[in-house]
Protein backbone atom coordinates (compact mmCIF):
# COMPACT_ATOMS: atom_id res chain seq x y z
CA UNK A 1 3.15 14.49 40.35
CA UNK A 2 2.30 12.02 37.60
CA UNK A 3 4.39 8.76 37.46
CA UNK A 4 6.84 8.34 34.65
CA UNK A 5 5.61 6.32 31.76
CA UNK A 6 6.78 2.65 31.80
CA UNK A 7 9.44 1.51 29.25
CA UNK A 8 7.84 -1.93 29.01
CA UNK A 9 5.20 -0.94 26.34
CA UNK A 10 5.93 -2.90 23.12
CA UNK A 11 5.90 -0.28 20.32
CA UNK A 12 7.58 -2.67 17.90
CA UNK A 13 4.05 -4.05 17.39
CA UNK A 14 0.86 -2.20 16.60
CA UNK A 15 -1.47 -1.00 19.44
CA UNK A 16 -4.20 -3.45 18.48
CA UNK A 17 -4.25 -7.15 18.21
CA UNK A 18 -3.13 -8.00 14.75
CA UNK A 19 -4.24 -11.66 14.77
CA UNK A 20 -7.91 -10.31 14.24
CA UNK A 21 -9.25 -8.49 11.17
CA UNK A 22 -10.75 -5.86 13.57
CA UNK A 23 -7.49 -5.19 15.17
CA UNK A 24 -5.74 -4.87 11.83
CA UNK A 25 -8.50 -2.57 10.48
CA UNK A 26 -8.09 -0.23 13.47
CA UNK A 27 -4.21 -0.15 12.86
CA UNK A 28 -4.71 0.69 9.23
CA UNK A 29 -7.44 3.31 9.64
CA UNK A 30 -4.61 5.02 11.74
CA UNK A 31 -1.81 4.37 9.24
CA UNK A 32 -3.77 5.49 6.12
CA UNK A 33 -5.27 8.66 7.83
CA UNK A 34 -4.99 11.29 5.10
CA UNK A 35 -4.31 13.95 7.75
CA UNK A 36 -0.85 12.46 8.28
CA UNK A 37 0.38 13.89 5.01
CA UNK A 38 -0.31 17.37 6.46
CA UNK A 39 2.28 16.83 9.36
CA UNK A 40 5.27 19.16 9.20
CA UNK A 41 9.00 18.05 9.24
CA UNK A 42 9.20 19.38 12.75
CA UNK A 43 6.28 17.12 13.89
CA UNK A 44 7.85 14.16 12.12
CA UNK A 45 11.23 14.84 13.60
CA UNK A 46 9.68 15.11 17.07
CA UNK A 47 7.80 11.81 16.75
CA UNK A 48 11.07 10.13 15.36
CA UNK A 49 12.92 11.45 18.52
CA UNK A 50 10.23 10.21 20.93
CA UNK A 51 10.12 6.71 19.34
CA UNK A 52 14.00 6.40 18.95
CA UNK A 53 14.53 7.67 22.55
CA UNK A 54 11.83 5.25 23.94
CA UNK A 55 13.48 2.26 22.22
CA UNK A 56 16.65 3.14 24.05
CA UNK A 57 14.78 3.25 27.41
CA UNK A 58 14.56 6.99 27.51
CA UNK A 59 11.13 8.55 28.15
CA UNK A 60 10.46 12.06 27.29
CA UNK A 61 9.41 14.11 30.36
CA UNK A 62 5.58 14.16 30.84
CA UNK A 63 5.00 11.69 27.98
CA UNK A 64 1.62 9.80 28.26
CA UNK A 65 0.80 6.37 26.88
CA UNK A 66 -1.62 7.90 24.27
CA UNK A 67 0.94 10.37 23.17
CA UNK A 68 3.53 7.61 22.77
CA UNK A 69 1.17 5.60 20.52
CA UNK A 70 0.33 8.80 18.57
CA UNK A 71 3.97 9.38 18.11
CA UNK A 72 4.41 5.75 16.95
CA UNK A 73 1.79 6.01 14.39
CA UNK A 74 3.10 9.32 13.11
CA UNK A 75 6.51 7.66 12.91
CA UNK A 76 5.19 4.55 11.10
CA UNK A 77 3.25 6.75 8.62
CA UNK A 78 6.47 8.56 7.40
CA UNK A 79 9.44 6.13 8.05
CA UNK A 80 10.11 2.70 6.37
CA UNK A 81 9.78 -0.18 8.73
CA UNK A 82 12.85 -1.95 7.32
CA UNK A 83 15.22 0.82 6.17
CA UNK A 84 14.22 3.46 8.60
CA UNK A 85 14.44 6.09 5.88
CA UNK A 86 11.79 8.84 5.45
CA UNK A 87 9.43 7.72 2.78
CA UNK A 88 8.51 9.87 -0.36
CA UNK A 89 5.39 11.91 0.62
CA UNK A 90 3.12 10.62 -2.15
CA UNK A 91 4.32 7.10 -1.62
CA UNK A 92 3.15 6.96 1.90
CA UNK A 93 -0.02 4.99 2.72
CA UNK A 94 -1.62 8.24 4.11
CA UNK A 95 -1.42 9.77 0.55
CA UNK A 96 -3.34 6.73 -0.84
CA UNK A 97 -6.89 8.29 -0.50
CA UNK A 98 -6.19 11.80 -1.94
CA UNK A 99 -3.95 10.63 -4.66
CA UNK A 100 -5.96 7.68 -5.78
CA UNK A 101 -9.33 9.43 -5.59
CA UNK A 102 -7.94 12.24 -7.93
CA UNK A 103 -6.32 9.85 -10.42
CA UNK A 104 -9.08 7.15 -10.41
CA UNK A 105 -11.85 9.73 -10.71
CA UNK A 106 -10.09 11.27 -13.73
CA UNK A 107 -9.37 7.82 -15.26
CA UNK A 108 -13.12 7.02 -15.03
CA UNK A 109 -14.18 10.42 -16.35
CA UNK A 110 -11.80 10.64 -19.24
CA UNK A 111 -11.81 6.97 -20.64
CA UNK A 112 -13.23 7.37 -24.15
CA UNK A 113 -10.29 8.59 -26.21
CA UNK A 114 -6.86 6.89 -26.64
CA UNK A 115 -4.89 9.95 -25.66
CA UNK A 116 -6.91 10.33 -22.41
CA UNK A 117 -6.51 6.63 -21.57
CA UNK A 118 -2.73 6.90 -22.21
CA UNK A 119 -2.24 9.99 -20.15
CA UNK A 120 -4.30 8.87 -17.18
CA UNK A 121 -3.02 5.24 -17.19
CA UNK A 122 0.57 6.57 -17.37
CA UNK A 123 -0.07 8.92 -14.37
CA UNK A 124 -1.75 6.14 -12.43
CA UNK A 125 1.04 3.56 -13.18
CA UNK A 126 3.82 6.16 -12.40
CA UNK A 127 2.09 6.83 -9.01
CA UNK A 128 1.71 3.03 -8.39
CA UNK A 129 5.43 2.62 -9.14
CA UNK A 130 6.39 5.19 -6.54
CA UNK A 131 3.95 3.59 -3.92
CA UNK A 132 5.32 0.05 -4.79
CA UNK A 133 8.94 1.17 -4.42
CA UNK A 134 8.18 3.20 -1.26
CA UNK A 135 6.34 0.41 0.43
CA UNK A 136 8.61 -2.56 -0.68
CA UNK A 137 9.64 -5.21 1.82
CA UNK A 138 13.30 -5.55 2.88
CA UNK A 139 16.23 -3.28 3.39
CA UNK A 140 18.38 -4.04 0.32
CA UNK A 141 18.66 -1.02 -1.93
CA UNK A 142 17.64 -1.01 -5.61
CA UNK A 143 20.10 0.38 -8.20
CA UNK A 144 19.05 3.28 -10.42
CA UNK A 145 19.30 0.83 -13.33
CA UNK A 146 17.08 -1.77 -11.62
CA UNK A 147 14.54 0.90 -10.63
CA UNK A 148 14.44 2.36 -14.19
CA UNK A 149 14.03 -1.01 -15.84
CA UNK A 150 11.25 -2.00 -13.50
CA UNK A 151 9.47 1.35 -13.87
CA UNK A 152 9.52 1.29 -17.71
CA UNK A 153 8.45 -2.36 -17.85
CA UNK A 154 5.68 -2.02 -15.42
CA UNK A 155 4.26 1.26 -16.99
CA UNK A 156 4.49 0.03 -20.51
CA UNK A 157 2.81 -3.20 -19.62
CA UNK A 158 0.01 -1.51 -17.68
CA UNK A 159 -0.65 1.14 -20.33
CA UNK A 160 -0.60 -1.46 -23.12
CA UNK A 161 -3.17 -3.54 -21.10
CA UNK A 162 -5.47 -0.42 -20.71
CA UNK A 163 -5.35 0.45 -24.47
CA UNK A 164 -5.94 -3.23 -25.46
CA UNK A 165 -9.00 -3.33 -23.20
CA UNK A 166 -10.27 -0.03 -24.43
CA UNK A 167 -10.03 -1.18 -28.07
CA UNK A 168 -12.01 -4.30 -27.27
CA UNK A 169 -14.95 -2.39 -25.78
CA UNK A 170 -15.51 0.14 -28.65
CA UNK A 171 -18.73 -1.57 -29.69
CA UNK A 172 -20.32 -2.53 -26.37
CA UNK A 173 -22.65 -0.56 -23.98
CA UNK A 174 -21.42 2.58 -22.48
CA UNK A 175 -22.06 1.07 -18.97
CA UNK A 176 -19.53 -1.74 -19.68
CA UNK A 177 -17.14 0.82 -21.11
CA UNK A 178 -17.00 2.56 -17.83
CA UNK A 179 -15.52 -0.60 -16.15
CA UNK A 180 -12.42 -0.73 -18.54
CA UNK A 181 -10.45 1.49 -16.21
CA UNK A 182 -11.01 -1.06 -13.40
CA UNK A 183 -10.09 -4.09 -15.50
CA UNK A 184 -7.06 -2.23 -16.63
CA UNK A 185 -6.06 -1.30 -13.00
CA UNK A 186 -6.50 -4.90 -11.83
CA UNK A 187 -4.52 -6.29 -14.73
CA UNK A 188 -1.88 -3.52 -14.25
CA UNK A 189 -1.42 -4.39 -10.54
CA UNK A 190 -0.53 -7.96 -11.44
CA UNK A 191 2.27 -6.43 -13.69
CA UNK A 192 3.36 -3.38 -11.78
CA UNK A 193 3.82 -4.72 -8.33
CA UNK A 194 5.96 -7.87 -9.12
CA UNK A 195 8.06 -5.88 -11.54
CA UNK A 196 8.72 -2.90 -9.05
CA UNK A 197 9.56 -5.47 -6.31
CA UNK A 198 11.40 -8.03 -8.67
CA UNK A 199 14.62 -7.72 -6.52
CA UNK A 200 12.74 -9.39 -3.76
CA UNK A 201 11.57 -12.22 -6.15
CA UNK A 202 15.18 -12.74 -7.20
CA UNK A 203 17.05 -12.37 -3.86
CA UNK A 204 14.32 -12.81 -1.29
CA UNK A 205 13.11 -10.69 1.67
CA UNK A 206 14.41 -10.86 5.26
CA UNK A 207 12.79 -13.49 7.47
CA UNK A 208 12.98 -13.55 11.32
CA UNK A 209 11.81 -15.76 14.19
CA UNK A 210 9.00 -14.43 16.50
CA UNK A 211 11.67 -12.41 18.48
CA UNK A 212 12.76 -10.67 15.34
CA UNK A 213 16.02 -12.50 15.15
CA UNK A 214 17.12 -12.43 11.35
CA UNK A 215 17.31 -16.08 9.95
CA UNK A 216 18.03 -15.20 6.26
CA UNK A 217 16.30 -14.22 3.03
CA UNK A 218 13.56 -16.12 1.23
CA UNK A 219 12.18 -15.79 -2.22
CA UNK A 220 9.24 -18.13 -1.29
CA UNK A 221 8.32 -15.57 1.35
CA UNK A 222 8.67 -12.82 -1.20
CA UNK A 223 6.22 -14.63 -3.48
CA UNK A 224 3.69 -14.89 -0.76
CA UNK A 225 4.07 -11.28 0.36
CA UNK A 226 3.68 -9.85 -3.19
CA UNK A 227 0.65 -12.15 -4.00
CA UNK A 228 -1.10 -10.79 -0.92
CA UNK A 229 -0.31 -7.26 -1.83
CA UNK A 230 -1.71 -7.69 -5.36
CA UNK A 231 -4.89 -9.23 -3.99
CA UNK A 232 -5.35 -6.35 -1.41
CA UNK A 233 -4.55 -3.58 -4.02
CA UNK A 234 -7.16 -5.08 -6.52
CA UNK A 235 -9.79 -5.34 -3.86
CA UNK A 236 -8.91 -1.82 -2.60
CA UNK A 237 -9.68 -0.36 -6.03
CA UNK A 238 -12.85 -2.46 -6.48
CA UNK A 239 -15.47 -0.34 -4.60
CA UNK A 240 -14.20 3.03 -5.97
CA UNK A 241 -14.19 1.56 -9.53
CA UNK A 242 -17.17 -0.53 -9.43
CA UNK A 243 -19.89 1.50 -7.53
CA UNK A 244 -19.45 5.07 -9.20
CA UNK A 245 -19.94 3.81 -12.82
CA UNK A 246 -23.51 2.85 -11.97
CA UNK A 247 -24.18 6.04 -10.13
CA UNK A 248 -22.58 8.25 -12.87
CA UNK A 249 -24.41 6.37 -15.60
CA UNK A 250 -27.74 7.17 -13.85
CA UNK A 251 -26.71 10.83 -12.99
CA UNK A 252 -25.52 11.77 -16.48
CA UNK A 253 -29.07 11.17 -17.75
CA UNK A 254 -30.39 13.80 -15.32
CA UNK A 255 -30.93 17.40 -16.11
CA UNK A 256 -28.17 18.70 -13.56
CA UNK A 257 -25.21 17.00 -15.37
CA UNK A 258 -26.61 17.90 -18.82
CA UNK A 259 -26.70 21.52 -17.71
CA UNK A 260 -23.36 21.37 -15.92
CA UNK A 261 -21.23 18.66 -17.67
CA UNK A 262 -18.09 19.90 -16.07
CA UNK A 263 -19.39 18.63 -12.71
CA UNK A 264 -19.04 15.06 -13.88
CA UNK A 265 -15.27 14.90 -12.82
CA UNK A 266 -15.58 16.49 -9.29
CA UNK A 267 -18.53 14.27 -8.51
CA UNK A 268 -16.73 11.10 -9.74
CA UNK A 269 -13.56 12.09 -7.72
CA UNK A 270 -15.75 12.67 -4.65
CA UNK A 271 -17.53 9.23 -5.05
CA UNK A 272 -14.31 7.48 -5.48
CA UNK A 273 -12.75 9.30 -2.38
CA UNK A 274 -15.70 8.21 -0.27
CA UNK A 275 -15.18 4.60 -1.23
CA UNK A 276 -11.47 4.75 -0.78
CA UNK A 277 -11.62 6.19 2.77
CA UNK A 278 -12.87 2.81 3.81
CA UNK A 279 -11.59 0.39 1.16
CA UNK A 280 -7.97 1.48 1.75
CA UNK A 281 -7.62 0.55 5.41
CA UNK A 282 -10.05 -2.50 5.24
CA UNK A 283 -8.17 -4.01 2.26
CA UNK A 284 -4.69 -3.39 3.89
CA UNK A 285 -6.13 -5.24 6.88
CA UNK A 286 -6.91 -8.51 4.84
CA UNK A 287 -3.45 -9.85 5.71
CA UNK A 288 -1.23 -9.25 8.67
CA UNK A 289 1.59 -6.68 7.96
CA UNK A 290 3.90 -9.02 9.75
CA UNK A 291 3.01 -12.16 7.72
CA UNK A 292 4.30 -15.63 8.46
CA UNK A 293 5.11 -18.75 6.60
CA UNK A 294 5.92 -22.33 7.71
CA UNK A 295 9.55 -23.40 7.57
CA UNK A 296 8.50 -26.33 5.55
CA UNK A 297 7.38 -24.05 2.77
CA UNK A 298 10.76 -22.28 2.44
CA UNK A 299 13.53 -23.19 0.02
CA UNK A 300 15.16 -26.42 0.84
CA UNK A 301 18.70 -24.97 1.57
CA UNK A 302 16.95 -22.35 3.89
CA UNK A 303 15.10 -24.98 5.63
CA UNK A 304 18.18 -26.97 6.34
CA UNK A 305 19.96 -23.74 7.62
CA UNK A 306 17.24 -22.89 10.08
CA UNK A 307 16.71 -26.47 11.37
CA UNK A 308 20.48 -26.70 11.95
CA UNK A 309 20.84 -23.27 13.66
CA UNK A 310 17.43 -22.89 15.20
CA UNK A 311 15.92 -26.22 15.63
CA UNK A 312 12.83 -25.10 17.52
CA UNK A 313 11.59 -22.65 14.83
CA UNK A 314 8.63 -23.92 12.92
CA UNK A 315 7.34 -20.52 11.51
CA UNK A 316 9.08 -17.49 10.38
CA UNK A 317 7.90 -13.90 10.00
CA UNK A 318 8.48 -11.12 7.29
CA UNK A 319 7.16 -7.63 6.38
CA UNK A 320 4.93 -8.24 3.45
CA UNK A 321 5.03 -4.51 2.30
CA UNK A 322 1.86 -2.64 1.43
């Protein structure tokens, strides 16, 4: 008879060492696995039960260590780390590759007319707004008014950026014109992410000591978290938006695409998808999910509070969001 699984496995942390890029990459290849969006509500509920029971010291009969870790990653792919709520399906990181490959491929195919730019940039920024809200840091709820204001501001700013860049490139080479969507996406990320997470910038995000004891909320930690997410999102989009333009510029001169021009969009979507399968987890892995900041870099009043109540703490930790 097999021995019962130990309750000493630390499932609060990822399976792989998060102090190394390789460890973080393995973690995010699992978290962003597109197959996770095909999981049924029953499978999610079962993983939720396995993990919540295990945290209480209850081990499901016959559970193996590999099954426990699989349940943890299914749980992590669908439930928010701070609020515990089930995340919107298309906002989950496992939906990033299929959603982004479709939207990005279409943005890069239909970029020549203003209505097309307007439509696809609006779709892209609406999707980004859902992702940014779903993967926010912290557990304080946003009001409908705050969410609506952030969405309208972010989407308007991003679409205006795209249209402005498109207007500037009317008289340059077609190849350079193909990079307009990437420039627009990069600029829009700098607008969309801070606006959708503006509550964190105003009120701060939860910070803890290394044992997960909550010490307060910090706006300086929020600024670092959002900056890291902006950088990783821009780099995440780079391969899928920088490599296909060169290939498509070459392919469109060939007889095949001249004979079947409707194949341009599917080919572009496929190329973007191939790039995103690798770029999404690798760029998520650039910074630890559980990021840290020195106490000396926090707000002065928060430094005083921590040094008075927790004199040995020199570094604090926070969920940076994705």
